């Protein structure tokens, strides 16, 4: 009995975490600078784009996005 309850709770928690990650990625995408793609997946939220490492160092908007993600 507790095995089914635990499995159900774990499944619901994973589903809710995935939904929250997608919501957060969508909010981040609204504020992202042009040319930056933000995706949510099983590993978490990823940012990609041409020259993203260099742009991260130079573009305060990207640093702001990562600071917001840590909150």
C-alpha atoms as a PDB file:
ATOM      1  CA  UNK A   1       0.000   0.000   0.000  1.00  0.00           C
ATOM      2  CA  UNK A   2       2.695   2.492   0.924  1.00  0.00           C
ATOM      3  CA  UNK A   3       4.700   1.530  -2.168  1.00  0.00           C
ATOM      4  CA  UNK A   4       1.912   2.696  -4.465  1.00  0.00           C
ATOM      5  CA  UNK A   5       1.415   5.851  -2.431  1.00  0.00           C
ATOM      6  CA  UNK A   6       5.134   6.622  -2.522  1.00  0.00           C
ATOM      7  CA  UNK A   7       5.352   5.951  -6.268  1.00  0.00           C
ATOM      8  CA  UNK A   8       2.343   8.185  -6.918  1.00  0.00           C
ATOM      9  CA  UNK A   9       3.789  10.986  -4.769  1.00  0.00           C
ATOM     10  CA  UNK A  10       7.156  10.765  -6.523  1.00  0.00           C
ATOM     11  CA  UNK A  11       5.503  10.845  -9.951  1.00  0.00           C
ATOM     12  CA  UNK A  12       3.404  13.882  -9.005  1.00  0.00           C
ATOM     13  CA  UNK A  13       6.459  15.664  -7.594  1.00  0.00           C
ATOM     14  CA  UNK A  14       8.458  15.022 -10.796  1.00  0.00           C
ATOM     15  CA  UNK A  15       5.555  16.231 -12.941  1.00  0.00           C
ATOM     16  CA  UNK A  16       5.155  19.390 -10.858  1.00  0.00           C
ATOM     17  CA  UNK A  17       8.894  20.091 -10.927  1.00  0.00           C
ATOM     18  CA  UNK A  18       8.934  19.728 -14.721  1.00  0.00           C
ATOM     19  CA  UNK A  19       5.944  22.063 -15.056  1.00  0.00           C
ATOM     20  CA  UNK A  20       7.581  24.672 -12.800  1.00  0.00           C
ATOM     21  CA  UNK A  21      10.827  24.453 -14.798  1.00  0.00           C
ATOM     22  CA  UNK A  22       8.894  25.018 -18.037  1.00  0.00           C
ATOM     23  CA  UNK A  23       7.089  28.017 -16.534  1.00  0.00           C
ATOM     24  CA  UNK A  24      10.351  29.494 -15.305  1.00  0.00           C
ATOM     25  CA  UNK A  25      12.055  28.933 -18.674  1.00  0.00           C
ATOM     26  CA  UNK A  26       9.158  30.683 -20.417  1.00  0.00           C
ATOM     27  CA  UNK A  27       9.470  33.691 -18.081  1.00  0.00           C
ATOM     28  CA  UNK A  28      13.221  33.802 -18.662  1.00  0.00           C
ATOM     29  CA  UNK A  29      12.699  33.634 -22.439  1.00  0.00           C
ATOM     30  CA  UNK A  30      10.544  36.762 -22.280  1.00  0.00           C
ATOM     31  CA  UNK A  31      13.469  38.748 -20.844  1.00  0.00           C
ATOM     32  CA  UNK A  32      16.286  37.059 -22.756  1.00  0.00           C
ATOM     33  CA  UNK A  33      18.399  39.122 -25.142  1.00  0.00           C
ATOM     34  CA  UNK A  34      17.965  38.441 -28.877  1.00  0.00           C
ATOM     35  CA  UNK A  35      19.675  35.307 -30.152  1.00  0.00           C
ATOM     36  CA  UNK A  36      19.527  33.434 -26.840  1.00  0.00           C
ATOM     37  CA  UNK A  37      17.448  30.259 -26.770  1.00  0.00           C
ATOM     38  CA  UNK A  38      16.156  29.039 -23.408  1.00  0.00           C
ATOM     39  CA  UNK A  39      14.911  25.461 -23.097  1.00  0.00           C
ATOM     40  CA  UNK A  40      13.615  23.354 -20.248  1.00  0.00           C
ATOM     41  CA  UNK A  41      14.406  19.641 -20.225  1.00  0.00           C
ATOM     42  CA  UNK A  42      14.972  16.713 -17.895  1.00  0.00           C
ATOM     43  CA  UNK A  43      18.420  18.038 -16.951  1.00  0.00           C
ATOM     44  CA  UNK A  44      17.109  21.510 -16.066  1.00  0.00           C
ATOM     45  CA  UNK A  45      17.047  24.827 -17.894  1.00  0.00           C
ATOM     46  CA  UNK A  46      19.653  25.479 -20.562  1.00  0.00           C
ATOM     47  CA  UNK A  47      20.664  28.629 -22.390  1.00  0.00           C
ATOM     48  CA  UNK A  48      22.197  28.436 -25.836  1.00  0.00           C
ATOM     49  CA  UNK A  49      23.119  30.784 -28.635  1.00  0.00           C
ATOM     50  CA  UNK A  50      25.962  31.925 -30.790  1.00  0.00           C
ATOM     51  CA  UNK A  51      28.905  33.114 -28.707  1.00  0.00           C
ATOM     52  CA  UNK A  52      27.040  32.619 -25.443  1.00  0.00           C
ATOM     53  CA  UNK A  53      30.180  32.300 -23.305  1.00  0.00           C
ATOM     54  CA  UNK A  54      31.587  35.580 -24.610  1.00  0.00           C
ATOM     55  CA  UNK A  55      28.187  37.229 -24.455  1.00  0.00           C
ATOM     56  CA  UNK A  56      27.718  36.085 -20.869  1.00  0.00           C
ATOM     57  CA  UNK A  57      30.869  37.931 -19.905  1.00  0.00           C
ATOM     58  CA  UNK A  58      29.868  41.106 -21.784  1.00  0.00           C
ATOM     59  CA  UNK A  59      26.077  41.263 -21.626  1.00  0.00           C
ATOM     60  CA  UNK A  60      24.591  42.294 -18.266  1.00  0.00           C
ATOM     61  CA  UNK A  61      21.178  40.971 -19.331  1.00  0.00           C
ATOM     62  CA  UNK A  62      22.539  37.407 -19.414  1.00  0.00           C
ATOM     63  CA  UNK A  63      24.157  37.803 -16.016  1.00  0.00           C
ATOM     64  CA  UNK A  64      20.854  39.109 -14.690  1.00  0.00           C
ATOM     65  CA  UNK A  65      19.030  36.028 -15.999  1.00  0.00           C
ATOM     66  CA  UNK A  66      21.446  33.692 -14.233  1.00  0.00           C
ATOM     67  CA  UNK A  67      21.209  35.712 -11.010  1.00  0.00           C
ATOM     68  CA  UNK A  68      17.416  35.445 -11.105  1.00  0.00           C
ATOM     69  CA  UNK A  69      17.680  31.686 -11.642  1.00  0.00           C
ATOM     70  CA  UNK A  70      19.625  31.272  -8.406  1.00  0.00           C
ATOM     71  CA  UNK A  71      16.885  32.854  -6.295  1.00  0.00           C
END
